Amino acid sequence: MIPVILSTAYADMFGSRSQRNSYTIGEIGVVTFALPEGNRDLRFRVMGFLPTYPAAGDRFLIAPSDDLLMFLNATASPESYYTNNTAWLTLPDRQMDATARSQIEALPGLIGISEAWVVYNQLLREPLPNAIIGVLFAGFWISLLLGLLDFAFYLVMTASRRATTFAVLRAMGLNGARLWGLLTAEQLTLIVPAIGVGVLLGALLAALLIPFLSLYGDEGLLIPVGQIGGLLLVFIVSFTALLTGATIALTRSKIGQVLRLGDE
């Protein structure tokens, strides 16, 4: 049994389950570690509580490193054992300031400090990830352009095949604005469900893949609302431009020529 300090969130969530109460000072608890060699239960005694700590999550447990190493290495072998402890800290800024770095470096037993922002910048300069990102970026926009061209071709073919119908509607008094609204209503019934299903399937696929990724702390699925909104804006602008062009072409065509009523 080792003494520990619990976060208030941990104490509230994993307290006495039978009584549904939080842990109290002096109470004995158990936590299960999922280790490569199997699950092991650690008995601890609560010595205090800490509301906040710059850790990867809100639910944490602080214990003496020597006691933890003895517990973890109880079933260790000369080929496989636990030595150094790794602490993940969440800082308010991307880069650590000089004061915080000097205070951390002054801690006894410290081996090294690795900043995620520094590693991220190093990865940005790697040629292979940049090449993969470039290919994916170019492929996405090329596929988007081809999709818009395909929609434009479909719209032109549809308008040409239904030129007689639109000519009759114009002869009955349908102006350009109403013709644009008619085309918009027809195409929205096909495009909106397709975009909605695509976004939903993308979110479901991400939700299925997230559990198989090694994420630290409370990281979960983050939906890029801004990027999705920008993509939808591109669709809306392109959709409006194509429909406007089709409407202008239909309104400028001569009704007599379309209906084959003879020379004007």
Foldseek 3Di string as FASTA:
>chain_A
DFEKEWEQVQQQPPPDVVVSHGDDAQDKDWDWDQDPVGIDIDIYGYHYYDHDFQALARTDMGTDPVVVQCVQCVVPDPVDGDDDDDTHGHDPDQDDDPVVVVVVVPDPPDDDDDGPSVVVVVVVPDPVVVVVVVVVVVVVVVVVVVVLVVVLVVLVVVCVVCLLVVLVVVVVPQDLVNQLVVVVVVVCVPPVVVVVVVVVVVQVVQQVCQVVDDDDHPDDDDDPPVVVVVVVVVVVVSVSVSSSVSSVVSNPDDSCVSVVVDDD
